Amino acid sequence: MDCDFRLLRRSLPQKIELEHNSGIVCLELVRKLQDIGARFVEVPVHHYRRSYGRSQFFTPRRIAEVGIDMARLWWQLVVCQGALGRR
């Protein structure tokens, strides 16, 4: 999950609806693809140090926002979907 590079079959994103555009969009993408039965393959990638600049993501405010968004996404995709499956 630490790499934002994804290679997908063109048909897969058309089968799901993404609602988030924050740091949790990758979690939402993977979970919704998993729910429709998509197969996953992991391949190694090389990580290189930044040649300049700093990440604007790792600030206390952004981390808190992502934590809250993750809790909401978990509730929506795991708890609520599980409740729907038990009906």
N, C-alpha and C. Protein backbone atom coordinates (compact mmCIF):
# COMPACT_ATOMS: atom_id res chain seq x y z
N MET A 1 0.81 -1.20 0.00
CA MET A 1 0.00 0.00 0.00
C MET A 1 0.85 1.26 0.00
N ASP A 2 2.15 1.12 0.07
CA ASP A 2 2.97 2.33 0.18
C ASP A 2 3.38 2.88 -1.18
N CYS A 3 2.86 2.33 -2.24
CA CYS A 3 3.20 2.81 -3.58
C CYS A 3 1.91 3.19 -4.30
N ASP A 4 1.87 4.36 -4.86
CA ASP A 4 0.64 4.82 -5.52
C ASP A 4 0.56 4.42 -6.98
N PHE A 5 1.36 3.47 -7.41
CA PHE A 5 1.30 3.00 -8.79
C PHE A 5 0.42 1.77 -8.86
N ARG A 6 -0.60 1.82 -9.68
CA ARG A 6 -1.51 0.69 -9.88
C ARG A 6 -1.68 0.50 -11.39
N LEU A 7 -1.65 -0.73 -11.81
CA LEU A 7 -1.90 -1.06 -13.21
C LEU A 7 -3.15 -1.94 -13.21
N LEU A 8 -4.21 -1.45 -13.85
CA LEU A 8 -5.51 -2.12 -13.81
C LEU A 8 -6.02 -2.42 -15.21
N ARG A 9 -6.77 -3.49 -15.31
CA ARG A 9 -7.49 -3.71 -16.57
C ARG A 9 -8.50 -2.58 -16.73
N ARG A 10 -8.68 -2.14 -17.92
CA ARG A 10 -9.55 -1.00 -18.19
C ARG A 10 -10.98 -1.23 -17.71
N SER A 11 -11.44 -2.45 -17.76
CA SER A 11 -12.83 -2.74 -17.39
C SER A 11 -13.08 -2.66 -15.89
N LEU A 12 -12.05 -2.85 -15.06
CA LEU A 12 -12.28 -2.90 -13.61
C LEU A 12 -12.75 -1.59 -13.00
N PRO A 13 -12.11 -0.46 -13.26
CA PRO A 13 -12.60 0.79 -12.65
C PRO A 13 -14.02 1.15 -13.08
N GLN A 14 -14.43 0.65 -14.23
CA GLN A 14 -15.78 0.94 -14.70
C GLN A 14 -16.84 0.17 -13.90
N LYS A 15 -16.41 -0.84 -13.14
CA LYS A 15 -17.34 -1.66 -12.37
C LYS A 15 -17.55 -1.15 -10.95
N ILE A 16 -16.77 -0.17 -10.53
CA ILE A 16 -16.88 0.34 -9.16
C ILE A 16 -17.03 1.85 -9.19
N GLU A 17 -17.47 2.38 -8.08
CA GLU A 17 -17.59 3.84 -7.94
C GLU A 17 -16.74 4.27 -6.75
N LEU A 18 -15.75 5.09 -7.02
CA LEU A 18 -14.89 5.61 -5.97
C LEU A 18 -15.48 6.91 -5.45
N GLU A 19 -15.49 7.06 -4.14
CA GLU A 19 -16.10 8.24 -3.53
C GLU A 19 -15.08 9.19 -2.92
N HIS A 20 -13.87 8.70 -2.68
CA HIS A 20 -12.86 9.51 -1.99
C HIS A 20 -11.78 10.00 -2.94
N ASN A 21 -11.18 11.12 -2.59
CA ASN A 21 -10.04 11.62 -3.36
C ASN A 21 -8.89 12.01 -2.42
N SER A 22 -8.94 11.45 -1.23
CA SER A 22 -7.90 11.75 -0.23
C SER A 22 -6.91 10.59 -0.17
N GLY A 23 -6.14 10.55 0.91
CA GLY A 23 -5.13 9.53 1.08
C GLY A 23 -5.66 8.11 1.22
N ILE A 24 -6.98 7.95 1.31
CA ILE A 24 -7.53 6.60 1.46
C ILE A 24 -8.10 6.05 0.16
N VAL A 25 -7.94 6.76 -0.92
CA VAL A 25 -8.51 6.29 -2.18
C VAL A 25 -7.93 4.94 -2.59
N CYS A 26 -6.66 4.68 -2.28
CA CYS A 26 -6.07 3.38 -2.62
C CYS A 26 -6.72 2.26 -1.82
N LEU A 27 -7.01 2.51 -0.55
CA LEU A 27 -7.71 1.52 0.27
C LEU A 27 -9.10 1.24 -0.29
N GLU A 28 -9.79 2.30 -0.64
CA GLU A 28 -11.13 2.15 -1.20
C GLU A 28 -11.07 1.37 -2.52
N LEU A 29 -10.13 1.71 -3.37
CA LEU A 29 -9.96 1.04 -4.66
C LEU A 29 -9.73 -0.45 -4.48
N VAL A 30 -8.76 -0.81 -3.65
CA VAL A 30 -8.42 -2.21 -3.47
C VAL A 30 -9.58 -2.99 -2.84
N ARG A 31 -10.22 -2.43 -1.84
CA ARG A 31 -11.34 -3.14 -1.19
C ARG A 31 -12.51 -3.35 -2.16
N LYS A 32 -12.85 -2.32 -2.93
CA LYS A 32 -13.98 -2.46 -3.85
C LYS A 32 -13.65 -3.42 -4.98
N LEU A 33 -12.40 -3.43 -5.44
CA LEU A 33 -12.01 -4.40 -6.46
C LEU A 33 -12.02 -5.82 -5.87
N GLN A 34 -11.58 -5.95 -4.65
CA GLN A 34 -11.62 -7.25 -3.97
C GLN A 34 -13.07 -7.74 -3.87
N ASP A 35 -13.98 -6.85 -3.54
CA ASP A 35 -15.38 -7.22 -3.38
C ASP A 35 -16.02 -7.70 -4.67
N ILE A 36 -15.53 -7.25 -5.83
CA ILE A 36 -16.11 -7.72 -7.09
C ILE A 36 -15.33 -8.90 -7.67
N GLY A 37 -14.35 -9.39 -6.89
CA GLY A 37 -13.65 -10.61 -7.30
C GLY A 37 -12.42 -10.39 -8.16
N ALA A 38 -11.87 -9.20 -8.18
CA ALA A 38 -10.67 -8.93 -8.96
C ALA A 38 -9.49 -9.71 -8.39
N ARG A 39 -8.57 -10.10 -9.25
CA ARG A 39 -7.35 -10.78 -8.82
C ARG A 39 -6.24 -9.75 -8.70
N PHE A 40 -5.33 -9.98 -7.77
CA PHE A 40 -4.23 -9.05 -7.52
C PHE A 40 -2.90 -9.77 -7.65
N VAL A 41 -1.93 -9.07 -8.19
CA VAL A 41 -0.56 -9.56 -8.25
C VAL A 41 0.33 -8.42 -7.78
N GLU A 42 1.24 -8.73 -6.88
CA GLU A 42 2.17 -7.71 -6.40
C GLU A 42 3.52 -7.94 -7.06
N VAL A 43 4.11 -6.86 -7.50
CA VAL A 43 5.45 -6.92 -8.07
C VAL A 43 6.30 -5.87 -7.37
N PRO A 44 7.58 -6.13 -7.20
CA PRO A 44 8.42 -5.16 -6.50
C PRO A 44 8.65 -3.91 -7.35
N VAL A 45 8.75 -2.79 -6.67
CA VAL A 45 9.11 -1.53 -7.32
C VAL A 45 10.26 -0.92 -6.53
N HIS A 46 11.02 -0.09 -7.19
CA HIS A 46 12.14 0.58 -6.52
C HIS A 46 11.68 1.94 -6.01
N HIS A 47 12.07 2.25 -4.81
CA HIS A 47 11.76 3.55 -4.23
C HIS A 47 13.05 4.37 -4.20
N TYR A 48 12.95 5.58 -4.65
CA TYR A 48 14.11 6.47 -4.68
C TYR A 48 13.84 7.67 -3.78
N ARG A 49 14.89 8.19 -3.19
CA ARG A 49 14.74 9.38 -2.38
C ARG A 49 14.34 10.55 -3.26
N ARG A 50 13.61 11.47 -2.67
CA ARG A 50 13.22 12.69 -3.41
C ARG A 50 14.47 13.47 -3.76
N SER A 51 14.51 13.99 -4.96
CA SER A 51 15.66 14.80 -5.34
C SER A 51 15.50 16.23 -4.82
N TYR A 52 14.26 16.64 -4.59
CA TYR A 52 14.00 17.96 -3.99
C TYR A 52 12.59 17.97 -3.43
N GLY A 53 12.32 18.96 -2.59
CA GLY A 53 10.99 19.12 -2.00
C GLY A 53 10.76 18.17 -0.83
N ARG A 54 9.62 18.37 -0.18
CA ARG A 54 9.22 17.55 0.95
C ARG A 54 7.79 17.09 0.76
N SER A 55 7.46 15.97 1.36
CA SER A 55 6.10 15.47 1.30
C SER A 55 5.18 16.45 2.02
N GLN A 56 4.06 16.74 1.41
CA GLN A 56 3.07 17.59 2.05
C GLN A 56 2.00 16.74 2.73
N PHE A 57 2.16 15.43 2.67
CA PHE A 57 1.17 14.54 3.25
C PHE A 57 1.38 14.33 4.74
N PHE A 58 2.62 14.18 5.17
CA PHE A 58 2.89 13.78 6.54
C PHE A 58 2.94 14.96 7.50
N THR A 59 1.78 15.59 7.68
CA THR A 59 1.61 16.62 8.70
C THR A 59 0.59 16.10 9.70
N PRO A 60 0.64 16.55 10.94
CA PRO A 60 -0.33 16.05 11.93
C PRO A 60 -1.79 16.18 11.47
N ARG A 61 -2.11 17.29 10.85
CA ARG A 61 -3.49 17.49 10.39
C ARG A 61 -3.88 16.48 9.32
N ARG A 62 -3.02 16.29 8.32
CA ARG A 62 -3.33 15.35 7.24
C ARG A 62 -3.43 13.92 7.75
N ILE A 63 -2.52 13.55 8.66
CA ILE A 63 -2.55 12.20 9.21
C ILE A 63 -3.84 11.99 10.00
N ALA A 64 -4.27 12.99 10.76
CA ALA A 64 -5.53 12.89 11.51
C ALA A 64 -6.72 12.76 10.55
N GLU A 65 -6.72 13.55 9.48
CA GLU A 65 -7.81 13.47 8.51
C GLU A 65 -7.88 12.10 7.87
N VAL A 66 -6.73 11.54 7.51
CA VAL A 66 -6.70 10.21 6.90
C VAL A 66 -7.17 9.15 7.91
N GLY A 67 -6.77 9.28 9.17
CA GLY A 67 -7.23 8.35 10.19
C GLY A 67 -8.74 8.35 10.33
N ILE A 68 -9.33 9.54 10.35
CA ILE A 68 -10.78 9.66 10.44
C ILE A 68 -11.44 9.09 9.18
N ASP A 69 -10.89 9.43 8.01
CA ASP A 69 -11.43 8.90 6.76
C ASP A 69 -11.33 7.37 6.71
N MET A 70 -10.22 6.81 7.22
CA MET A 70 -10.06 5.35 7.24
C MET A 70 -11.13 4.71 8.11
N ALA A 71 -11.40 5.30 9.27
CA ALA A 71 -12.43 4.75 10.15
C ALA A 71 -13.80 4.80 9.47
N ARG A 72 -14.10 5.88 8.81
CA ARG A 72 -15.39 5.99 8.09
C ARG A 72 -15.48 4.98 6.95
N LEU A 73 -14.38 4.83 6.21
CA LEU A 73 -14.37 3.88 5.10
C LEU A 73 -14.54 2.46 5.61
N TRP A 74 -13.85 2.12 6.69
CA TRP A 74 -13.99 0.79 7.29
C TRP A 74 -15.45 0.56 7.69
N TRP A 75 -16.05 1.54 8.33
CA TRP A 75 -17.45 1.41 8.74
C TRP A 75 -18.35 1.17 7.52
N GLN A 76 -18.11 1.94 6.49
CA GLN A 76 -18.94 1.84 5.28
C GLN A 76 -18.74 0.51 4.56
N LEU A 77 -17.49 0.10 4.35
CA LEU A 77 -17.20 -1.06 3.51
C LEU A 77 -17.21 -2.39 4.26
N VAL A 78 -16.96 -2.36 5.55
CA VAL A 78 -16.88 -3.62 6.31
C VAL A 78 -18.12 -3.80 7.17
N VAL A 79 -18.41 -2.85 8.03
CA VAL A 79 -19.53 -3.02 8.96
C VAL A 79 -20.86 -2.95 8.23
N CYS A 80 -21.07 -1.90 7.46
CA CYS A 80 -22.37 -1.74 6.78
C CYS A 80 -22.57 -2.80 5.70
N GLN A 81 -21.54 -3.12 4.93
CA GLN A 81 -21.67 -4.14 3.90
C GLN A 81 -21.91 -5.51 4.54
N GLY A 82 -21.26 -5.76 5.68
CA GLY A 82 -21.48 -7.03 6.39
C GLY A 82 -22.90 -7.14 6.90
N ALA A 83 -23.45 -6.02 7.38
CA ALA A 83 -24.84 -6.01 7.85
C ALA A 83 -25.79 -6.27 6.69
N LEU A 84 -25.48 -5.71 5.52
CA LEU A 84 -26.33 -5.93 4.34
C LEU A 84 -26.28 -7.39 3.93
N GLY A 85 -25.12 -8.01 4.04
CA GLY A 85 -24.97 -9.43 3.66
C GLY A 85 -25.72 -10.36 4.59
N ARG A 86 -25.94 -9.96 5.84
CA ARG A 86 -26.63 -10.81 6.81
C ARG A 86 -28.14 -10.69 6.70
N ARG A 87 -28.63 -9.74 5.96
CA ARG A 87 -30.10 -9.56 5.85
C ARG A 87 -30.72 -10.62 5.02
